[in-house]
Amino acid sequence: MVSLCHPIRIRACGNTARRKNAAAKVLCSVQQTPPPAAAQSTIKVVIVGATKEIGRTAVLAVSKARGMELAGAIDSQCIGEDAGQISGTDEPLEIPVLNDLTMVLGSIAQSRATGVVVDFSEPSAVYDNVKQAAAFGLSSVVYVPKIELDTVTELSAFCEKASMGCLVAPTLSIGSVLLQQAAIQASFHYSNVEIVESRPNPSDLPSQDAIQIANNISDLGQIYNREDMDSSSPARGQLLGEDGVRVHSMVLPGLVSSTSINFSCPGEIYTLRHDVANVQCLMPGLLLAIRKVVRLKNLIYGLEKFL
């Protein structure tokens, strides 16, 4: 099986910025324990960042999911309001939005229930949130796309020592993971590749998805686009890494978020494409992660370990 954990390198305008080798140190193996006797009990879920768009969508998904119960909604906005009402549930969930994670975790720990903290917060808050969750015996699912690899490495060491499960997911989209896995397989058979992405709003470009794809298909012994690998023309897109992978980003209002990977050889083009309309596409991956992470005793990086 091909590992998805490689260092990331981005080269633009002739300069190469290499991500730290911390990525290679992140624990990617899955250490699972047999299901405990109470494995069939309801998983109590705490959502940090509950008033964000993805947080509100997660509140709806968890409240409707079999074997799960929303036990807490944490945010600094809408404090005191019912998490269900701000998320659009048919009836109030009687779970107020709070800004005190410790209090909610303590309540779950006293009930001795199986619990998971879903973290949609900010990169600077992730480490402390995971430590707090572990202190009360709860596993964590972290989806904070801009989290630093140094933080992930530190969390990996902490979770290993604490024997506590944690998933750090660059994406919760199952389709995105399948796209990346298909790209790895194709990369062994084609010598030309270009990534084309579209986003409805300006953001950090190239996107994390494009960087992850380039990362995954680099360092596999393949050099792409040899004919103009050293071209500095802006029209040729940005070069990601040192193996010749290029990305072209479009930002146009009205476009859905789309990522396509175009492989070619003489006489043939092979295109992989994934479109995302809204954050609802992340919910199947989130629910899968919640159900799986409670059996872990360490940190894993990437939803693909659960597929």
Protein backbone atom coordinates (compact mmCIF):
# COMPACT_ATOMS: atom_id res chain seq x y z
CA MET A 1 0.00 0.00 0.00
CA VAL A 2 1.35 3.43 -0.91
CA SER A 3 1.75 5.79 2.07
CA LEU A 4 0.07 9.18 1.82
CA CYS A 5 2.50 10.83 4.23
CA HIS A 6 5.24 12.65 2.35
CA PRO A 7 6.88 16.00 3.00
CA ILE A 8 5.35 18.82 1.01
CA ARG A 9 7.41 21.17 -1.11
CA ILE A 10 6.08 24.20 -2.99
CA ARG A 11 8.17 26.01 -5.56
CA ALA A 12 7.10 29.36 -6.94
CA CYS A 13 9.09 31.92 -8.94
CA GLY A 14 12.20 29.80 -8.85
CA ASN A 15 12.29 29.37 -5.06
CA THR A 16 11.55 26.19 -3.22
CA ALA A 17 10.02 26.19 0.22
CA ARG A 18 10.21 22.77 1.78
CA ARG A 19 7.78 21.81 4.48
CA LYS A 20 9.51 20.46 7.54
CA ASN A 21 10.19 16.77 7.74
CA ALA A 22 7.79 16.66 10.65
CA ALA A 23 5.27 15.09 8.28
CA ALA A 24 7.39 11.98 8.08
CA LYS A 25 7.28 11.70 11.87
CA VAL A 26 3.49 11.81 12.17
CA LEU A 27 2.19 8.45 13.28
CA CYS A 28 0.12 6.96 10.48
CA SER A 29 -0.34 3.39 11.69
CA VAL A 30 -3.67 2.44 13.17
CA GLN A 31 -3.57 0.88 16.62
CA GLN A 32 -7.00 -0.40 17.51
CA THR A 33 -8.30 -2.18 20.56
CA PRO A 34 -11.07 -4.79 20.53
CA PRO A 35 -14.50 -3.22 20.97
CA PRO A 36 -15.27 -2.87 24.68
CA ALA A 37 -18.33 -4.42 26.23
CA ALA A 38 -20.10 -1.08 26.02
CA ALA A 39 -19.15 -0.55 22.38
CA GLN A 40 -22.82 -0.55 21.39
CA SER A 41 -23.61 2.35 23.76
CA THR A 42 -24.40 5.79 22.41
CA ILE A 43 -21.40 7.96 21.56
CA LYS A 44 -21.69 11.39 23.15
CA VAL A 45 -20.38 14.03 20.75
CA VAL A 46 -19.10 17.51 21.62
CA ILE A 47 -18.71 19.95 18.71
CA VAL A 48 -16.19 22.76 19.07
CA GLY A 49 -16.90 25.55 16.60
CA ALA A 50 -20.59 24.71 16.65
CA THR A 51 -21.83 28.01 15.20
CA LYS A 52 -19.66 27.87 12.08
CA GLU A 53 -21.31 26.62 8.90
CA ILE A 54 -19.63 23.24 9.20
CA GLY A 55 -20.41 23.14 12.93
CA ARG A 56 -24.12 23.75 12.39
CA THR A 57 -24.18 21.09 9.68
CA ALA A 58 -22.44 18.68 12.04
CA VAL A 59 -25.00 19.38 14.77
CA LEU A 60 -27.76 18.32 12.37
CA ALA A 61 -25.86 15.23 11.20
CA VAL A 62 -24.97 14.02 14.71
CA SER A 63 -28.46 14.63 16.05
CA LYS A 64 -29.90 12.39 13.33
CA ALA A 65 -27.17 9.72 13.34
CA ARG A 66 -27.82 6.28 14.77
CA GLY A 67 -25.85 5.56 17.94
CA MET A 68 -24.83 9.19 18.54
CA GLU A 69 -26.01 11.96 20.82
CA LEU A 70 -25.07 15.61 20.78
CA ALA A 71 -23.72 16.27 24.27
CA GLY A 72 -22.18 19.70 23.87
CA ALA A 73 -21.84 22.68 21.53
CA ILE A 74 -18.85 24.95 22.12
CA ASP A 75 -18.26 28.36 20.58
CA SER A 76 -17.65 31.98 21.48
CA GLN A 77 -20.67 33.09 19.43
CA CYS A 78 -24.41 32.67 20.15
CA ILE A 79 -23.71 31.69 23.77
CA GLY A 80 -26.84 30.42 25.51
CA GLU A 81 -28.78 29.78 22.32
CA ASP A 82 -30.05 26.29 21.56
CA ALA A 83 -27.62 24.44 19.27
CA GLY A 84 -30.50 22.77 17.46
CA GLN A 85 -32.38 25.96 16.74
CA ILE A 86 -29.37 27.78 15.26
CA SER A 87 -28.66 24.67 13.15
CA GLY A 88 -32.19 24.29 11.81
CA THR A 89 -33.42 21.18 13.63
CA ASP A 90 -37.17 20.58 13.70
CA GLU A 91 -37.24 20.88 17.48
CA PRO A 92 -34.84 22.34 20.07
CA LEU A 93 -32.13 19.93 21.19
CA GLU A 94 -31.96 21.51 24.66
CA ILE A 95 -28.19 21.81 24.24
CA PRO A 96 -27.11 25.43 24.78
CA VAL A 97 -24.04 26.83 23.07
CA LEU A 98 -21.35 27.29 25.73
CA ASN A 99 -17.80 28.60 25.74
CA ASP A 100 -16.59 26.29 28.53
CA LEU A 101 -15.27 23.02 27.10
CA THR A 102 -14.01 21.78 30.46
CA MET A 103 -17.46 21.88 32.04
CA VAL A 104 -19.02 19.86 29.23
CA LEU A 105 -16.21 17.29 29.28
CA GLY A 106 -16.53 16.90 33.04
CA SER A 107 -20.23 16.13 32.73
CA ILE A 108 -19.58 13.43 30.13
CA ALA A 109 -16.75 11.92 32.17
CA GLN A 110 -19.00 11.62 35.23
CA SER A 111 -21.51 9.63 33.20
CA ARG A 112 -18.71 7.25 32.10
CA ALA A 113 -20.05 7.42 28.57
CA THR A 114 -18.00 6.98 25.40
CA GLY A 115 -17.35 10.43 24.01
CA VAL A 116 -15.73 12.22 21.07
CA VAL A 117 -14.77 15.87 20.70
CA VAL A 118 -15.12 17.14 17.12
CA ASP A 119 -12.83 20.13 16.70
CA PHE A 120 -13.58 22.75 14.04
CA SER A 121 -11.81 25.52 15.96
CA GLU A 122 -8.58 27.31 15.04
CA PRO A 123 -5.02 25.96 14.65
CA SER A 124 -3.86 27.70 17.83
CA ALA A 125 -6.55 26.01 19.93
CA VAL A 126 -6.30 22.42 18.68
CA TYR A 127 -3.49 21.18 20.93
CA ASP A 128 -5.15 22.35 24.14
CA ASN A 129 -8.55 21.03 23.04
CA VAL A 130 -7.20 17.54 22.35
CA LYS A 131 -5.31 17.52 25.67
CA GLN A 132 -8.46 18.52 27.54
CA ALA A 133 -10.50 15.85 25.81
CA ALA A 134 -7.90 13.18 26.61
CA ALA A 135 -7.76 14.26 30.26
CA PHE A 136 -11.46 13.43 30.55
CA GLY A 137 -11.16 10.18 28.55
CA LEU A 138 -12.59 11.44 25.24
CA SER A 139 -11.18 10.82 21.77
CA SER A 140 -10.89 13.64 19.22
CA VAL A 141 -11.63 14.23 15.55
CA VAL A 142 -9.81 17.34 14.28
CA TYR A 143 -10.74 19.06 11.05
CA VAL A 144 -8.79 22.32 11.01
CA PRO A 145 -7.31 22.57 7.49
CA LYS A 146 -4.58 25.12 8.35
CA ILE A 147 -3.16 23.18 11.30
CA GLU A 148 0.65 23.17 11.35
CA LEU A 149 2.51 19.89 10.93
CA ASP A 150 4.53 20.70 14.04
CA THR A 151 1.29 20.69 16.02
CA VAL A 152 0.27 17.36 14.51
CA THR A 153 3.64 15.86 15.44
CA GLU A 154 3.33 17.10 19.02
CA LEU A 155 -0.20 15.73 19.25
CA SER A 156 0.96 12.39 17.90
CA ALA A 157 3.54 12.08 20.68
CA PHE A 158 0.99 13.13 23.30
CA CYS A 159 -1.71 10.68 22.12
CA GLU A 160 0.82 7.84 21.98
CA LYS A 161 1.83 8.52 25.57
CA ALA A 162 -1.76 8.96 26.76
CA SER A 163 -3.03 5.95 24.74
CA MET A 164 -5.85 8.12 23.44
CA GLY A 165 -7.37 8.08 19.97
CA CYS A 166 -7.29 11.09 17.68
CA LEU A 167 -7.87 11.63 13.97
CA VAL A 168 -6.39 14.70 12.28
CA ALA A 169 -8.11 14.95 8.92
CA PRO A 170 -6.88 17.25 6.11
CA THR A 171 -10.30 16.51 4.57
CA LEU A 172 -13.45 14.78 5.73
CA SER A 173 -14.67 14.28 2.17
CA ILE A 174 -14.69 10.61 1.23
CA GLY A 175 -14.77 11.62 -2.44
CA SER A 176 -11.64 13.73 -2.02
CA VAL A 177 -9.82 10.82 -0.39
CA LEU A 178 -10.85 8.45 -3.20
CA LEU A 179 -9.69 11.04 -5.76
CA GLN A 180 -6.27 11.20 -4.12
CA GLN A 181 -5.96 7.43 -3.96
CA ALA A 182 -6.88 7.11 -7.64
CA ALA A 183 -4.31 9.79 -8.49
CA ILE A 184 -1.57 7.80 -6.77
CA GLN A 185 -2.40 4.73 -8.83
CA ALA A 186 -2.49 6.73 -12.07
CA SER A 187 0.80 8.49 -11.34
CA PHE A 188 2.75 5.27 -11.97
CA HIS A 189 1.46 5.08 -15.55
CA TYR A 190 1.54 8.67 -16.86
CA SER A 191 4.42 11.10 -17.26
CA ASN A 192 2.33 14.29 -17.63
CA VAL A 193 -0.02 15.72 -15.03
CA GLU A 194 -1.74 19.06 -14.40
CA ILE A 195 -4.10 19.92 -11.56
CA VAL A 196 -6.94 22.34 -12.36
CA GLU A 197 -9.09 23.64 -9.53
CA SER A 198 -11.93 26.12 -9.18
CA ARG A 199 -13.19 27.89 -6.08
CA PRO A 200 -16.12 30.31 -5.74
CA ASN A 201 -14.25 32.72 -3.46
CA PRO A 202 -10.65 33.94 -3.21
CA SER A 203 -8.75 32.00 -0.57
CA ASP A 204 -5.32 30.54 -0.02
CA LEU A 205 -4.27 29.27 -3.41
CA PRO A 206 -3.29 26.74 -4.40
CA SER A 207 -5.83 25.00 -2.16
CA GLN A 208 -4.93 22.48 0.49
CA ASP A 209 -6.53 19.81 -1.71
CA ALA A 210 -4.20 20.62 -4.61
CA ILE A 211 -1.16 20.70 -2.33
CA GLN A 212 -2.13 17.35 -0.82
CA ILE A 213 -2.59 15.76 -4.25
CA ALA A 214 0.78 17.07 -5.44
CA ASN A 215 2.31 15.84 -2.22
CA ASN A 216 0.85 12.37 -2.65
CA ILE A 217 2.07 11.86 -6.22
CA SER A 218 5.53 13.31 -5.60
CA ASP A 219 8.60 11.39 -4.42
CA LEU A 220 7.36 8.24 -6.17
CA GLY A 221 10.22 8.09 -8.65
CA GLN A 222 8.27 9.86 -11.38
CA ILE A 223 9.19 13.19 -13.03
CA TYR A 224 6.25 14.88 -14.76
CA ASN A 225 6.04 17.36 -17.64
CA ARG A 226 9.73 17.04 -18.52
CA GLU A 227 9.28 19.05 -21.73
CA ASP A 228 8.80 22.36 -19.91
CA MET A 229 9.46 21.51 -16.30
CA ASP A 230 11.67 24.56 -15.86
CA SER A 231 9.29 27.01 -17.53
CA SER A 232 8.78 30.19 -15.49
CA SER A 233 5.84 31.47 -17.52
CA PRO A 234 2.95 32.43 -15.19
CA ALA A 235 0.53 30.98 -17.74
CA ARG A 236 1.93 27.53 -16.99
CA GLY A 237 0.61 27.64 -13.44
CA GLN A 238 2.40 27.18 -10.14
CA LEU A 239 4.90 24.39 -9.72
CA LEU A 240 4.28 22.28 -6.62
CA GLY A 241 7.31 20.40 -5.38
CA GLU A 242 10.28 19.34 -7.45
CA ASP A 243 8.71 16.58 -9.56
CA GLY A 244 6.99 18.83 -12.11
CA VAL A 245 3.39 18.85 -10.84
CA ARG A 246 1.63 22.07 -11.85
CA VAL A 247 -1.63 23.58 -10.58
CA HIS A 248 -3.95 26.11 -12.22
CA SER A 249 -6.50 27.85 -9.97
CA MET A 250 -9.71 29.57 -11.10
CA VAL A 251 -11.73 31.83 -8.79
CA LEU A 252 -15.11 32.75 -10.30
CA PRO A 253 -18.36 33.56 -8.47
CA GLY A 254 -20.96 30.89 -9.11
CA LEU A 255 -18.49 28.04 -9.49
CA VAL A 256 -18.67 25.06 -7.18
CA SER A 257 -15.43 23.94 -5.58
CA SER A 258 -13.92 21.54 -8.08
CA THR A 259 -10.62 19.71 -8.39
CA SER A 260 -9.55 17.81 -11.50
CA ILE A 261 -6.32 15.92 -12.13
CA ASN A 262 -5.40 15.52 -15.77
CA PHE A 263 -2.93 12.77 -16.66
CA SER A 264 -1.78 12.20 -20.22
CA CYS A 265 0.50 10.26 -22.51
CA PRO A 266 0.67 10.29 -26.32
CA GLY A 267 -2.84 9.73 -27.66
CA GLU A 268 -4.59 9.52 -24.28
CA ILE A 269 -5.91 11.78 -21.51
CA TYR A 270 -7.09 10.41 -18.17
CA THR A 271 -9.05 12.87 -15.99
CA LEU A 272 -10.12 12.51 -12.37
CA ARG A 273 -12.57 15.06 -11.02
CA HIS A 274 -14.27 15.82 -7.72
CA ASP A 275 -16.91 18.55 -7.21
CA VAL A 276 -18.11 19.85 -3.85
CA ALA A 277 -21.37 21.80 -3.60
CA ASN A 278 -21.49 22.42 0.17
CA VAL A 279 -20.26 21.16 3.54
CA GLN A 280 -22.90 18.43 3.69
CA CYS A 281 -20.50 16.30 1.64
CA LEU A 282 -18.21 16.14 4.70
CA MET A 283 -20.80 14.59 7.02
CA PRO A 284 -20.51 10.90 5.95
CA GLY A 285 -16.77 11.12 6.55
CA LEU A 286 -17.30 12.86 9.89
CA LEU A 287 -19.76 10.23 11.15
CA LEU A 288 -17.40 7.46 10.01
CA ALA A 289 -14.52 9.13 11.86
CA ILE A 290 -16.55 9.48 15.07
CA ARG A 291 -17.47 5.79 15.05
CA LYS A 292 -13.91 4.65 14.33
CA VAL A 293 -11.82 6.97 16.50
CA VAL A 294 -13.21 5.63 19.79
CA ARG A 295 -11.31 2.39 19.15
CA LEU A 296 -7.93 4.03 18.58
CA LYS A 297 -5.09 4.34 21.06
CA ASN A 298 -2.97 6.74 19.05
CA LEU A 299 -3.16 9.57 16.52
CA ILE A 300 -3.64 8.91 12.84
CA TYR A 301 -3.40 11.44 10.03
CA GLY A 302 -5.89 11.17 7.20
CA LEU A 303 -9.41 9.81 6.83
CA GLU A 304 -8.15 7.21 4.35
CA LYS A 305 -6.97 5.04 7.25
CA PHE A 306 -10.65 4.37 8.04
CA LEU A 307 -11.74 3.48 4.49
